[in-house]
PDB file of all heavy atoms in Angstrom:
ATOM      1  N   ARG A   1     -44.782  31.937 180.834  1.00  0.00           N
ATOM      2  CA  ARG A   1     -46.051  31.409 180.310  1.00  0.00           C
ATOM      3  C   ARG A   1     -46.324  30.006 180.865  1.00  0.00           C
ATOM      4  O   ARG A   1     -47.457  29.651 181.184  1.00  0.00           O
ATOM      5  CB  ARG A   1     -45.997  31.361 178.778  1.00  0.00           C
ATOM      6  CG  ARG A   1     -47.275  30.820 178.149  1.00  0.00           C
ATOM      7  CD  ARG A   1     -47.041  30.524 176.696  1.00  0.00           C
ATOM      8  NE  ARG A   1     -46.980  31.744 175.917  1.00  0.00           N
ATOM      9  CZ  ARG A   1     -48.050  32.292 175.321  1.00  0.00           C
ATOM     10  NH1 ARG A   1     -49.231  31.736 175.449  1.00  0.00           N
ATOM     11  NH2 ARG A   1     -47.932  33.375 174.604  1.00  0.00           N
ATOM     12  N   LYS A   2     -45.260  29.222 181.001  1.00  0.00           N
ATOM     13  CA  LYS A   2     -45.388  27.846 181.493  1.00  0.00           C
ATOM     14  C   LYS A   2     -45.970  27.826 182.902  1.00  0.00           C
ATOM     15  O   LYS A   2     -46.896  27.067 183.205  1.00  0.00           O
ATOM     16  CB  LYS A   2     -44.010  27.180 181.466  1.00  0.00           C
ATOM     17  CG  LYS A   2     -44.025  25.689 181.686  1.00  0.00           C
ATOM     18  CD  LYS A   2     -42.623  25.120 181.568  1.00  0.00           C
ATOM     19  CE  LYS A   2     -42.623  23.610 181.807  1.00  0.00           C
ATOM     20  NZ  LYS A   2     -41.262  23.051 181.720  1.00  0.00           N
ATOM     21  N   ASP A   3     -45.424  28.663 183.793  1.00  0.00           N
ATOM     22  CA  ASP A   3     -45.915  28.716 185.175  1.00  0.00           C
ATOM     23  C   ASP A   3     -47.332  29.268 185.240  1.00  0.00           C
ATOM     24  O   ASP A   3     -48.139  28.860 186.067  1.00  0.00           O
ATOM     25  CB  ASP A   3     -44.985  29.575 186.040  1.00  0.00           C
ATOM     26  CG  ASP A   3     -43.660  28.877 186.322  1.00  0.00           C
ATOM     27  OD1 ASP A   3     -43.626  27.632 186.242  1.00  0.00           O
ATOM     28  OD2 ASP A   3     -42.667  29.572 186.618  1.00  0.00           O
ATOM     29  N   LEU A   4     -47.614  30.213 184.354  1.00  0.00           N
ATOM     30  CA  LEU A   4     -48.943  30.819 184.317  1.00  0.00           C
ATOM     31  C   LEU A   4     -49.995  29.772 183.944  1.00  0.00           C
ATOM     32  O   LEU A   4     -51.053  29.683 184.565  1.00  0.00           O
ATOM     33  CB  LEU A   4     -48.945  31.961 183.299  1.00  0.00           C
ATOM     34  CG  LEU A   4     -50.027  33.041 183.426  1.00  0.00           C
ATOM     35  CD1 LEU A   4     -49.965  33.731 184.770  1.00  0.00           C
ATOM     36  CD2 LEU A   4     -49.876  34.069 182.318  1.00  0.00           C
ATOM     37  N   GLU A   5     -49.675  28.948 182.958  1.00  0.00           N
ATOM     38  CA  GLU A   5     -50.604  27.906 182.506  1.00  0.00           C
ATOM     39  C   GLU A   5     -50.722  26.787 183.539  1.00  0.00           C
ATOM     40  O   GLU A   5     -51.796  26.232 183.736  1.00  0.00           O
ATOM     41  CB  GLU A   5     -50.138  27.332 181.174  1.00  0.00           C
ATOM     42  CG  GLU A   5     -50.320  28.294 180.012  1.00  0.00           C
ATOM     43  CD  GLU A   5     -49.796  27.744 178.698  1.00  0.00           C
ATOM     44  OE1 GLU A   5     -49.151  26.678 178.721  1.00  0.00           O
ATOM     45  OE2 GLU A   5     -50.014  28.387 177.659  1.00  0.00           O
ATOM     46  N   LYS A   6     -49.607  26.474 184.179  1.00  0.00           N
ATOM     47  CA  LYS A   6     -49.574  25.366 185.141  1.00  0.00           C
ATOM     48  C   LYS A   6     -50.472  25.633 186.350  1.00  0.00           C
ATOM     49  O   LYS A   6     -51.120  24.729 186.871  1.00  0.00           O
ATOM     50  CB  LYS A   6     -48.132  25.133 185.593  1.00  0.00           C
ATOM     51  CG  LYS A   6     -47.932  23.876 186.437  1.00  0.00           C
ATOM     52  CD  LYS A   6     -46.459  23.572 186.637  1.00  0.00           C
ATOM     53  CE  LYS A   6     -45.788  24.585 187.534  1.00  0.00           C
ATOM     54  NZ  LYS A   6     -44.363  24.260 187.803  1.00  0.00           N
ATOM     55  N   ASN A   7     -50.503  26.894 186.800  1.00  0.00           N
ATOM     56  CA  ASN A   7     -51.270  27.239 188.015  1.00  0.00           C
ATOM     57  C   ASN A   7     -52.625  27.872 187.711  1.00  0.00           C
ATOM     58  O   ASN A   7     -53.220  28.494 188.584  1.00  0.00           O
ATOM     59  CB  ASN A   7     -50.446  28.191 188.896  1.00  0.00           C
ATOM     60  CG  ASN A   7     -49.211  27.510 189.452  1.00  0.00           C
ATOM     61  OD1 ASN A   7     -49.268  26.381 189.921  1.00  0.00           O
ATOM     62  ND2 ASN A   7     -48.077  28.185 189.361  1.00  0.00           N
ATOM     63  N   ARG A   8     -53.089  27.722 186.469  1.00  0.00           N
ATOM     64  CA  ARG A   8     -54.376  28.301 186.106  1.00  0.00           C
ATOM     65  C   ARG A   8     -55.457  27.223 186.068  1.00  0.00           C
ATOM     66  O   ARG A   8     -55.208  26.105 185.620  1.00  0.00           O
ATOM     67  CB  ARG A   8     -54.259  28.972 184.734  1.00  0.00           C
ATOM     68  CG  ARG A   8     -55.451  29.841 184.366  1.00  0.00           C
ATOM     69  CD  ARG A   8     -55.209  30.538 183.042  1.00  0.00           C
ATOM     70  NE  ARG A   8     -55.137  29.576 181.955  1.00  0.00           N
ATOM     71  CZ  ARG A   8     -54.437  29.765 180.851  1.00  0.00           C
ATOM     72  NH1 ARG A   8     -53.718  30.838 180.681  1.00  0.00           N
ATOM     73  NH2 ARG A   8     -54.440  28.846 179.903  1.00  0.00           N
ATOM     74  N   LEU A   9     -56.633  27.569 186.540  1.00  0.00           N
ATOM     75  CA  LEU A   9     -57.748  26.613 186.544  1.00  0.00           C
ATOM     76  C   LEU A   9     -58.279  26.414 185.133  1.00  0.00           C
ATOM     77  O   LEU A   9     -58.266  27.333 184.318  1.00  0.00           O
ATOM     78  CB  LEU A   9     -58.900  27.135 187.423  1.00  0.00           C
ATOM     79  CG  LEU A   9     -58.636  27.336 188.922  1.00  0.00           C
ATOM     80  CD1 LEU A   9     -59.893  27.887 189.581  1.00  0.00           C
ATOM     81  CD2 LEU A   9     -58.237  26.044 189.609  1.00  0.00           C
ATOM     82  N   SER A  10     -58.765  25.215 184.867  1.00  0.00           N
ATOM     83  CA  SER A  10     -59.418  24.951 183.587  1.00  0.00           C
ATOM     84  C   SER A  10     -60.852  25.481 183.660  1.00  0.00           C
ATOM     85  O   SER A  10     -61.334  25.831 184.736  1.00  0.00           O
ATOM     86  CB  SER A  10     -59.439  23.444 183.309  1.00  0.00           C
ATOM     87  OG  SER A  10     -60.225  22.782 184.289  1.00  0.00           O
ATOM     88  N   ARG A  11     -61.534  25.519 182.543  1.00  0.00           N
ATOM     89  CA  ARG A  11     -62.924  26.008 182.526  1.00  0.00           C
ATOM     90  C   ARG A  11     -63.827  25.164 183.415  1.00  0.00           C
ATOM     91  O   ARG A  11     -64.697  25.681 184.108  1.00  0.00           O
ATOM     92  CB  ARG A  11     -63.472  25.995 181.096  1.00  0.00           C
ATOM     93  CG  ARG A  11     -62.951  27.129 180.241  1.00  0.00           C
ATOM     94  CD  ARG A  11     -63.661  27.159 178.907  1.00  0.00           C
ATOM     95  NE  ARG A  11     -63.180  28.234 178.069  1.00  0.00           N
ATOM     96  CZ  ARG A  11     -63.627  28.473 176.844  1.00  0.00           C
ATOM     97  NH1 ARG A  11     -64.576  27.700 176.330  1.00  0.00           N
ATOM     98  NH2 ARG A  11     -63.151  29.477 176.126  1.00  0.00           N
ATOM     99  N   GLU A  12     -63.595  23.851 183.379  1.00  0.00           N
ATOM    100  CA  GLU A  12     -64.404  22.938 184.208  1.00  0.00           C
ATOM    101  C   GLU A  12     -64.186  23.221 185.693  1.00  0.00           C
ATOM    102  O   GLU A  12     -65.131  23.215 186.485  1.00  0.00           O
ATOM    103  CB  GLU A  12     -64.039  21.473 183.892  1.00  0.00           C
ATOM    104  CG  GLU A  12     -64.455  20.992 182.517  1.00  0.00           C
ATOM    105  CD  GLU A  12     -63.533  21.480 181.411  1.00  0.00           C
ATOM    106  OE1 GLU A  12     -62.424  21.964 181.732  1.00  0.00           O
ATOM    107  OE2 GLU A  12     -63.929  21.401 180.235  1.00  0.00           O
ATOM    108  N   GLU A  13     -62.928  23.488 186.061  1.00  0.00           N
ATOM    109  CA  GLU A  13     -62.617  23.779 187.465  1.00  0.00           C
ATOM    110  C   GLU A  13     -63.197  25.120 187.896  1.00  0.00           C
ATOM    111  O   GLU A  13     -63.649  25.281 189.029  1.00  0.00           O
ATOM    112  CB  GLU A  13     -61.095  23.776 187.664  1.00  0.00           C
ATOM    113  CG  GLU A  13     -60.481  22.377 187.591  1.00  0.00           C
ATOM    114  CD  GLU A  13     -58.955  22.400 187.576  1.00  0.00           C
ATOM    115  OE1 GLU A  13     -58.377  23.343 186.999  1.00  0.00           O
ATOM    116  OE2 GLU A  13     -58.347  21.472 188.144  1.00  0.00           O
ATOM    117  N   MET A  14     -63.189  26.098 186.982  1.00  0.00           N
ATOM    118  CA  MET A  14     -63.742  27.425 187.289  1.00  0.00           C
ATOM    119  C   MET A  14     -65.226  27.352 187.635  1.00  0.00           C
ATOM    120  O   MET A  14     -65.701  28.082 188.498  1.00  0.00           O
ATOM    121  CB  MET A  14     -63.549  28.375 186.097  1.00  0.00           C
ATOM    122  CG  MET A  14     -62.141  28.899 185.937  1.00  0.00           C
ATOM    123  SD  MET A  14     -62.065  30.091 184.570  1.00  0.00           S
ATOM    124  CE  MET A  14     -60.306  30.165 184.285  1.00  0.00           C
ATOM    125  N   GLU A  15     -65.926  26.459 186.952  1.00  0.00           N
ATOM    126  CA  GLU A  15     -67.373  26.339 187.164  1.00  0.00           C
ATOM    127  C   GLU A  15     -67.721  25.903 188.584  1.00  0.00           C
ATOM    128  O   GLU A  15     -68.834  26.117 189.054  1.00  0.00           O
ATOM    129  CB  GLU A  15     -67.966  25.355 186.150  1.00  0.00           C
ATOM    130  CG  GLU A  15     -67.998  25.918 184.733  1.00  0.00           C
ATOM    131  CD  GLU A  15     -68.411  24.878 183.703  1.00  0.00           C
ATOM    132  OE1 GLU A  15     -68.731  23.744 184.113  1.00  0.00           O
ATOM    133  OE2 GLU A  15     -68.400  25.199 182.505  1.00  0.00           O
ATOM    134  N   LYS A  16     -66.761  25.291 189.277  1.00  0.00           N
ATOM    135  CA  LYS A  16     -66.997  24.833 190.652  1.00  0.00           C
ATOM    136  C   LYS A  16     -66.923  25.981 191.667  1.00  0.00           C
ATOM    137  O   LYS A  16     -67.371  25.839 192.799  1.00  0.00           O
ATOM    138  CB  LYS A  16     -65.970  23.748 191.023  1.00  0.00           C
ATOM    139  CG  LYS A  16     -66.091  22.485 190.177  1.00  0.00           C
ATOM    140  CD  LYS A  16     -64.955  21.519 190.478  1.00  0.00           C
ATOM    141  CE  LYS A  16     -64.977  20.311 189.528  1.00  0.00           C
ATOM    142  NZ  LYS A  16     -63.834  19.414 189.758  1.00  0.00           N
ATOM    143  N   PHE A  17     -66.346  27.105 191.267  1.00  0.00           N
ATOM    144  CA  PHE A  17     -66.204  28.249 192.175  1.00  0.00           C
ATOM    145  C   PHE A  17     -67.333  29.253 191.944  1.00  0.00           C
ATOM    146  O   PHE A  17     -67.623  29.626 190.803  1.00  0.00           O
ATOM    147  CB  PHE A  17     -64.854  28.939 191.960  1.00  0.00           C
ATOM    148  CG  PHE A  17     -63.676  28.145 192.452  1.00  0.00           C
ATOM    149  CD1 PHE A  17     -63.091  27.164 191.651  1.00  0.00           C
ATOM    150  CD2 PHE A  17     -63.135  28.375 193.713  1.00  0.00           C
ATOM    151  CE1 PHE A  17     -61.993  26.428 192.097  1.00  0.00           C
ATOM    152  CE2 PHE A  17     -62.036  27.645 194.161  1.00  0.00           C
ATOM    153  CZ  PHE A  17     -61.472  26.675 193.360  1.00  0.00           C
ATOM    154  N   SER A  18     -67.930  29.709 193.047  1.00  0.00           N
ATOM    155  CA  SER A  18     -69.040  30.661 192.945  1.00  0.00           C
ATOM    156  C   SER A  18     -68.598  32.007 192.374  1.00  0.00           C
ATOM    157  O   SER A  18     -69.401  32.730 191.761  1.00  0.00           O
ATOM    158  CB  SER A  18     -69.673  30.885 194.332  1.00  0.00           C
ATOM    159  OG  SER A  18     -68.695  31.364 195.247  1.00  0.00           O
ATOM    160  N   VAL A  19     -67.305  32.362 192.555  1.00  0.00           N
ATOM    161  CA  VAL A  19     -66.821  33.664 192.065  1.00  0.00           C
ATOM    162  C   VAL A  19     -66.836  33.751 190.533  1.00  0.00           C
ATOM    163  O   VAL A  19     -66.828  34.841 189.968  1.00  0.00           O
ATOM    164  CB  VAL A  19     -65.383  33.974 192.573  1.00  0.00           C
ATOM    165  CG1 VAL A  19     -65.390  34.336 194.030  1.00  0.00           C
ATOM    166  CG2 VAL A  19     -64.435  32.822 192.278  1.00  0.00           C
ATOM    167  N   PHE A  20     -66.854  32.581 189.871  1.00  0.00           N
ATOM    168  CA  PHE A  20     -66.884  32.572 188.408  1.00  0.00           C
ATOM    169  C   PHE A  20     -68.305  32.393 187.859  1.00  0.00           C
ATOM    170  O   PHE A  20     -68.498  32.319 186.657  1.00  0.00           O
ATOM    171  CB  PHE A  20     -65.976  31.467 187.855  1.00  0.00           C
ATOM    172  CG  PHE A  20     -64.516  31.736 188.055  1.00  0.00           C
ATOM    173  CD1 PHE A  20     -63.813  31.103 189.061  1.00  0.00           C
ATOM    174  CD2 PHE A  20     -63.847  32.650 187.252  1.00  0.00           C
ATOM    175  CE1 PHE A  20     -62.460  31.353 189.257  1.00  0.00           C
ATOM    176  CE2 PHE A  20     -62.495  32.905 187.439  1.00  0.00           C
ATOM    177  CZ  PHE A  20     -61.805  32.260 188.446  1.00  0.00           C
ATOM    178  N   LYS A  21     -69.280  32.351 188.755  1.00  0.00           N
ATOM    179  CA  LYS A  21     -70.667  32.201 188.321  1.00  0.00           C
ATOM    180  C   LYS A  21     -71.103  33.489 187.619  1.00  0.00           C
ATOM    181  O   LYS A  21     -70.850  34.585 188.104  1.00  0.00           O
ATOM    182  CB  LYS A  21     -71.564  31.927 189.532  1.00  0.00           C
ATOM    183  CG  LYS A  21     -72.949  31.427 189.141  1.00  0.00           C
ATOM    184  CD  LYS A  21     -73.771  31.113 190.382  1.00  0.00           C
ATOM    185  CE  LYS A  21     -75.151  30.618 189.987  1.00  0.00           C
ATOM    186  NZ  LYS A  21     -75.995  30.338 191.174  1.00  0.00           N
ATOM    187  N   ASN A  22     -71.744  33.350 186.478  1.00  0.00           N
ATOM    188  CA  ASN A  22     -72.177  34.495 185.662  1.00  0.00           C
ATOM    189  C   ASN A  22     -71.008  35.405 185.286  1.00  0.00           C
ATOM    190  O   ASN A  22     -71.145  36.626 185.202  1.00  0.00           O
ATOM    191  CB  ASN A  22     -73.249  35.321 186.401  1.00  0.00           C
ATOM    192  CG  ASN A  22     -74.450  34.489 186.792  1.00  0.00           C
ATOM    193  OD1 ASN A  22     -74.879  33.608 186.038  1.00  0.00           O
ATOM    194  ND2 ASN A  22     -74.997  34.732 187.975  1.00  0.00           N
ATOM    195  N   TYR A  23     -69.849  34.811 185.067  1.00  0.00           N
ATOM    196  CA  TYR A  23     -68.660  35.595 184.708  1.00  0.00           C
ATOM    197  C   TYR A  23     -68.818  36.236 183.334  1.00  0.00           C
ATOM    198  O   TYR A  23     -69.240  35.607 182.380  1.00  0.00           O
ATOM    199  CB  TYR A  23     -67.411  34.695 184.712  1.00  0.00           C
ATOM    200  CG  TYR A  23     -66.182  35.367 184.135  1.00  0.00           C
ATOM    201  CD1 TYR A  23     -65.426  36.240 184.908  1.00  0.00           C
ATOM    202  CD2 TYR A  23     -65.800  35.140 182.811  1.00  0.00           C
ATOM    203  CE1 TYR A  23     -64.300  36.869 184.378  1.00  0.00           C
ATOM    204  CE2 TYR A  23     -64.677  35.761 182.279  1.00  0.00           C
ATOM    205  CZ  TYR A  23     -63.931  36.625 183.063  1.00  0.00           C
ATOM    206  OH  TYR A  23     -62.826  37.247 182.541  1.00  0.00           O
ATOM    207  N   GLU A  24     -68.508  37.510 183.271  1.00  0.00           N
ATOM    208  CA  GLU A  24     -68.513  38.254 182.012  1.00  0.00           C
ATOM    209  C   GLU A  24     -67.206  39.039 181.922  1.00  0.00           C
ATOM    210  O   GLU A  24     -66.856  39.753 182.868  1.00  0.00           O
ATOM    211  CB  GLU A  24     -69.698  39.230 181.957  1.00  0.00           C
ATOM    212  CG  GLU A  24     -71.055  38.567 181.771  1.00  0.00           C
ATOM    213  CD  GLU A  24     -71.242  37.989 180.380  1.00  0.00           C
ATOM    214  OE1 GLU A  24     -70.566  38.468 179.458  1.00  0.00           O
ATOM    215  OE2 GLU A  24     -72.047  37.064 180.231  1.00  0.00           O
ATOM    216  N   PRO A  25     -66.466  38.950 180.812  1.00  0.00           N
ATOM    217  CA  PRO A  25     -65.193  39.671 180.721  1.00  0.00           C
ATOM    218  C   PRO A  25     -65.342  41.186 180.661  1.00  0.00           C
ATOM    219  O   PRO A  25     -64.454  41.919 181.064  1.00  0.00           O
ATOM    220  CB  PRO A  25     -64.578  39.131 179.427  1.00  0.00           C
ATOM    221  CG  PRO A  25     -65.722  38.600 178.644  1.00  0.00           C
ATOM    222  CD  PRO A  25     -66.737  38.122 179.631  1.00  0.00           C
ATOM    223  N   GLY A  26     -66.509  41.656 180.162  1.00  0.00           N
ATOM    224  CA  GLY A  26     -66.738  43.102 180.061  1.00  0.00           C
ATOM    225  C   GLY A  26     -66.277  43.655 178.720  1.00  0.00           C
ATOM    226  O   GLY A  26     -65.818  42.924 177.845  1.00  0.00           O
ATOM    227  N   ASP A  27     -66.401  44.964 178.576  1.00  0.00           N
ATOM    228  CA  ASP A  27     -66.018  45.620 177.316  1.00  0.00           C
ATOM    229  C   ASP A  27     -64.515  45.853 177.281  1.00  0.00           C
ATOM    230  O   ASP A  27     -63.949  46.423 178.220  1.00  0.00           O
ATOM    231  CB  ASP A  27     -66.748  46.963 177.173  1.00  0.00           C
ATOM    232  CG  ASP A  27     -68.261  46.786 177.106  1.00  0.00           C
ATOM    233  OD1 ASP A  27     -68.697  45.790 176.510  1.00  0.00           O
ATOM    234  OD2 ASP A  27     -68.982  47.637 177.659  1.00  0.00           O
ATOM    235  N   PRO A  28     -63.862  45.440 176.189  1.00  0.00           N
ATOM    236  CA  PRO A  28     -62.402  45.581 176.101  1.00  0.00           C
ATOM    237  C   PRO A  28     -61.916  47.020 176.231  1.00  0.00           C
ATOM    238  O   PRO A  28     -62.479  47.928 175.618  1.00  0.00           O
ATOM    239  CB  PRO A  28     -62.088  45.031 174.698  1.00  0.00           C
ATOM    240  CG  PRO A  28     -63.241  44.163 174.359  1.00  0.00           C
ATOM    241  CD  PRO A  28     -64.432  44.780 175.004  1.00  0.00           C
ATOM    242  N   ASN A  29     -60.917  47.202 177.059  1.00  0.00           N
ATOM    243  CA  ASN A  29     -60.201  48.473 177.165  1.00  0.00           C
ATOM    244  C   ASN A  29     -58.832  48.182 177.767  1.00  0.00           C
ATOM    245  O   ASN A  29     -58.509  47.037 178.053  1.00  0.00           O
ATOM    246  CB  ASN A  29     -61.001  49.502 177.982  1.00  0.00           C
ATOM    247  CG  ASN A  29     -61.214  49.087 179.427  1.00  0.00           C
ATOM    248  OD1 ASN A  29     -60.359  49.295 180.279  1.00  0.00           O
ATOM    249  ND2 ASN A  29     -62.369  48.488 179.716  1.00  0.00           N
ATOM    250  N   CYS A  30     -58.018  49.189 177.965  1.00  0.00           N
ATOM    251  CA  CYS A  30     -56.632  48.955 178.392  1.00  0.00           C
ATOM    252  C   CYS A  30     -56.487  48.796 179.910  1.00  0.00           C
ATOM    253  O   CYS A  30     -55.379  48.673 180.422  1.00  0.00           O
ATOM    254  CB  CYS A  30     -55.732  50.085 177.889  1.00  0.00           C
ATOM    255  SG  CYS A  30     -56.140  51.683 178.567  1.00  0.00           S
ATOM    256  N   ARG A  31     -57.606  48.784 180.620  1.00  0.00           N
ATOM    257  CA  ARG A  31     -57.547  48.655 182.078  1.00  0.00           C
ATOM    258  C   ARG A  31     -58.280  47.387 182.509  1.00  0.00           C
ATOM    259  O   ARG A  31     -59.378  47.109 182.031  1.00  0.00           O
ATOM    260  CB  ARG A  31     -58.206  49.892 182.715  1.00  0.00           C
ATOM    261  CG  ARG A  31     -57.809  50.126 184.156  1.00  0.00           C
ATOM    262  CD  ARG A  31     -58.213  51.555 184.556  1.00  0.00           C
ATOM    263  NE  ARG A  31     -57.940  51.814 185.958  1.00  0.00           N
ATOM    264  CZ  ARG A  31     -56.745  52.083 186.445  1.00  0.00           C
ATOM    265  NH1 ARG A  31     -55.700  52.114 185.640  1.00  0.00           N
ATOM    266  NH2 ARG A  31     -56.561  52.315 187.730  1.00  0.00           N
ATOM    267  N   ILE A  32     -57.667  46.605 183.403  1.00  0.00           N
ATOM    268  CA  ILE A  32     -58.328  45.389 183.869  1.00  0.00           C
ATOM    269  C   ILE A  32     -58.623  45.459 185.370  1.00  0.00           C
ATOM    270  O   ILE A  32     -57.944  46.164 186.123  1.00  0.00           O
ATOM    271  CB  ILE A  32     -57.515  44.116 183.539  1.00  0.00           C
ATOM    272  CG1 ILE A  32     -56.098  44.180 184.105  1.00  0.00           C
ATOM    273  CG2 ILE A  32     -57.499  43.846 182.055  1.00  0.00           C
ATOM    274  CD1 ILE A  32     -55.314  42.898 183.926  1.00  0.00           C
ATOM    275  N   TYR A  33     -59.632  44.701 185.737  1.00  0.00           N
ATOM    276  CA  TYR A  33     -60.090  44.654 187.127  1.00  0.00           C
ATOM    277  C   TYR A  33     -59.882  43.227 187.641  1.00  0.00           C
ATOM    278  O   TYR A  33     -60.279  42.265 186.987  1.00  0.00           O
ATOM    279  CB  TYR A  33     -61.572  45.045 187.175  1.00  0.00           C
ATOM    280  CG  TYR A  33     -62.298  44.715 188.455  1.00  0.00           C
ATOM    281  CD1 TYR A  33     -61.959  45.327 189.661  1.00  0.00           C
ATOM    282  CD2 TYR A  33     -63.353  43.786 188.455  1.00  0.00           C
ATOM    283  CE1 TYR A  33     -62.643  45.029 190.835  1.00  0.00           C
ATOM    284  CE2 TYR A  33     -64.039  43.485 189.614  1.00  0.00           C
ATOM    285  CZ  TYR A  33     -63.677  44.108 190.799  1.00  0.00           C
ATOM    286  OH  TYR A  33     -64.347  43.809 191.969  1.00  0.00           O
ATOM    287  N   VAL A  34     -59.229  43.109 188.792  1.00  0.00           N
ATOM    288  CA  VAL A  34     -58.942  41.791 189.369  1.00  0.00           C
ATOM    289  C   VAL A  34     -59.590  41.700 190.749  1.00  0.00           C
ATOM    290  O   VAL A  34     -59.449  42.604 191.567  1.00  0.00           O
ATOM    291  CB  VAL A  34     -57.417  41.553 189.511  1.00  0.00           C
ATOM    292  CG1 VAL A  34     -57.140  40.135 189.977  1.00  0.00           C
ATOM    293  CG2 VAL A  34     -56.706  41.816 188.189  1.00  0.00           C
ATOM    294  N   LYS A  35     -60.314  40.592 190.988  1.00  0.00           N
ATOM    295  CA  LYS A  35     -60.929  40.404 192.313  1.00  0.00           C
ATOM    296  C   LYS A  35     -60.665  38.993 192.828  1.00  0.00           C
ATOM    297  O   LYS A  35     -60.034  38.186 192.151  1.00  0.00           O
ATOM    298  CB  LYS A  35     -62.423  40.696 192.260  1.00  0.00           C
ATOM    299  CG  LYS A  35     -63.236  39.741 191.385  1.00  0.00           C
ATOM    300  CD  LYS A  35     -64.710  40.122 191.430  1.00  0.00           C
ATOM    301  CE  LYS A  35     -65.553  39.164 190.598  1.00  0.00           C
ATOM    302  NZ  LYS A  35     -66.978  39.476 190.635  1.00  0.00           N
ATOM    303  N   ASN A  36     -61.139  38.725 194.033  1.00  0.00           N
ATOM    304  CA  ASN A  36     -60.919  37.453 194.727  1.00  0.00           C
ATOM    305  C   ASN A  36     -59.426  37.243 195.046  1.00  0.00           C
ATOM    306  O   ASN A  36     -58.911  36.126 194.972  1.00  0.00           O
ATOM    307  CB  ASN A  36     -61.452  36.273 193.903  1.00  0.00           C
ATOM    308  CG  ASN A  36     -61.658  35.022 194.750  1.00  0.00           C
ATOM    309  OD1 ASN A  36     -62.211  35.084 195.853  1.00  0.00           O
ATOM    310  ND2 ASN A  36     -61.192  33.888 194.277  1.00  0.00           N
ATOM    311  N   LEU A  37     -58.766  38.325 195.424  1.00  0.00           N
ATOM    312  CA  LEU A  37     -57.348  38.245 195.783  1.00  0.00           C
ATOM    313  C   LEU A  37     -57.185  37.873 197.250  1.00  0.00           C
ATOM    314  O   LEU A  37     -57.956  38.312 198.102  1.00  0.00           O
ATOM    315  CB  LEU A  37     -56.651  39.588 195.513  1.00  0.00           C
ATOM    316  CG  LEU A  37     -56.558  40.021 194.049  1.00  0.00           C
ATOM    317  CD1 LEU A  37     -56.082  41.455 193.946  1.00  0.00           C
ATOM    318  CD2 LEU A  37     -55.644  39.092 193.266  1.00  0.00           C
ATOM    319  N   ALA A  38     -56.178  37.078 197.541  1.00  0.00           N
ATOM    320  CA  ALA A  38     -55.900  36.657 198.918  1.00  0.00           C
ATOM    321  C   ALA A  38     -55.357  37.841 199.736  1.00  0.00           C
ATOM    322  O   ALA A  38     -54.846  38.818 199.184  1.00  0.00           O
ATOM    323  CB  ALA A  38     -54.897  35.518 198.911  1.00  0.00           C
ATOM    324  N   LYS A  39     -55.457  37.722 201.056  1.00  0.00           N
ATOM    325  CA  LYS A  39     -54.996  38.798 201.947  1.00  0.00           C
ATOM    326  C   LYS A  39     -53.502  39.063 201.793  1.00  0.00           C
ATOM    327  O   LYS A  39     -53.035  40.182 201.930  1.00  0.00           O
ATOM    328  CB  LYS A  39     -55.283  38.429 203.410  1.00  0.00           C
ATOM    329  CG  LYS A  39     -56.765  38.392 203.749  1.00  0.00           C
ATOM    330  CD  LYS A  39     -56.966  37.931 205.186  1.00  0.00           C
ATOM    331  CE  LYS A  39     -58.450  37.815 205.526  1.00  0.00           C
ATOM    332  NZ  LYS A  39     -58.661  37.307 206.900  1.00  0.00           N
ATOM    333  N   GLN A  40     -52.732  38.012 201.514  1.00  0.00           N
ATOM    334  CA  GLN A  40     -51.269  38.140 201.437  1.00  0.00           C
ATOM    335  C   GLN A  40     -50.778  38.851 200.176  1.00  0.00           C
ATOM    336  O   GLN A  40     -49.616  39.237 200.090  1.00  0.00           O
ATOM    337  CB  GLN A  40     -50.607  36.748 201.459  1.00  0.00           C
ATOM    338  CG  GLN A  40     -51.021  35.878 202.635  1.00  0.00           C
ATOM    339  CD  GLN A  40     -52.115  34.893 202.222  1.00  0.00           C
ATOM    340  OE1 GLN A  40     -53.162  35.308 201.752  1.00  0.00           O
ATOM    341  NE2 GLN A  40     -51.867  33.601 202.399  1.00  0.00           N
ATOM    342  N   VAL A  41     -51.671  39.008 199.188  1.00  0.00           N
ATOM    343  CA  VAL A  41     -51.253  39.584 197.903  1.00  0.00           C
ATOM    344  C   VAL A  41     -50.761  41.020 198.067  1.00  0.00           C
ATOM    345  O   VAL A  41     -51.404  41.835 198.724  1.00  0.00           O
ATOM    346  CB  VAL A  41     -52.409  39.528 196.871  1.00  0.00           C
ATOM    347  CG1 VAL A  41     -52.030  40.266 195.593  1.00  0.00           C
ATOM    348  CG2 VAL A  41     -52.754  38.089 196.539  1.00  0.00           C
ATOM    349  N   GLN A  42     -49.619  41.292 197.463  1.00  0.00           N
ATOM    350  CA  GLN A  42     -49.065  42.649 197.455  1.00  0.00           C
ATOM    351  C   GLN A  42     -48.899  43.121 196.013  1.00  0.00           C
ATOM    352  O   GLN A  42     -48.998  42.326 195.077  1.00  0.00           O
ATOM    353  CB  GLN A  42     -47.712  42.652 198.172  1.00  0.00           C
ATOM    354  CG  GLN A  42     -47.809  42.293 199.646  1.00  0.00           C
ATOM    355  CD  GLN A  42     -46.442  42.267 200.321  1.00  0.00           C
ATOM    356  OE1 GLN A  42     -45.481  42.852 199.832  1.00  0.00           O
ATOM    357  NE2 GLN A  42     -46.352  41.572 201.450  1.00  0.00           N
ATOM    358  N   GLU A  43     -48.601  44.387 195.862  1.00  0.00           N
ATOM    359  CA  GLU A  43     -48.450  44.949 194.516  1.00  0.00           C
ATOM    360  C   GLU A  43     -47.349  44.238 193.722  1.00  0.00           C
ATOM    361  O   GLU A  43     -47.463  44.049 192.517  1.00  0.00           O
ATOM    362  CB  GLU A  43     -48.155  46.454 194.593  1.00  0.00           C
ATOM    363  CG  GLU A  43     -49.385  47.272 194.920  1.00  0.00           C
ATOM    364  CD  GLU A  43     -49.130  48.770 194.827  1.00  0.00           C
ATOM    365  OE1 GLU A  43     -48.082  49.167 194.268  1.00  0.00           O
ATOM    366  OE2 GLU A  43     -49.967  49.541 195.311  1.00  0.00           O
TER     367      GLU A  43
END
């Protein structure tokens, strides 16, 4: 949890990125969708 919080953007920082513009979490369900992943990301 510590590392997760340390490397996470704050709300103010998120507003500076266009990918978070008009961000909506969507309707809750057990499946999540992740985007804006770097090319190096693996499973």
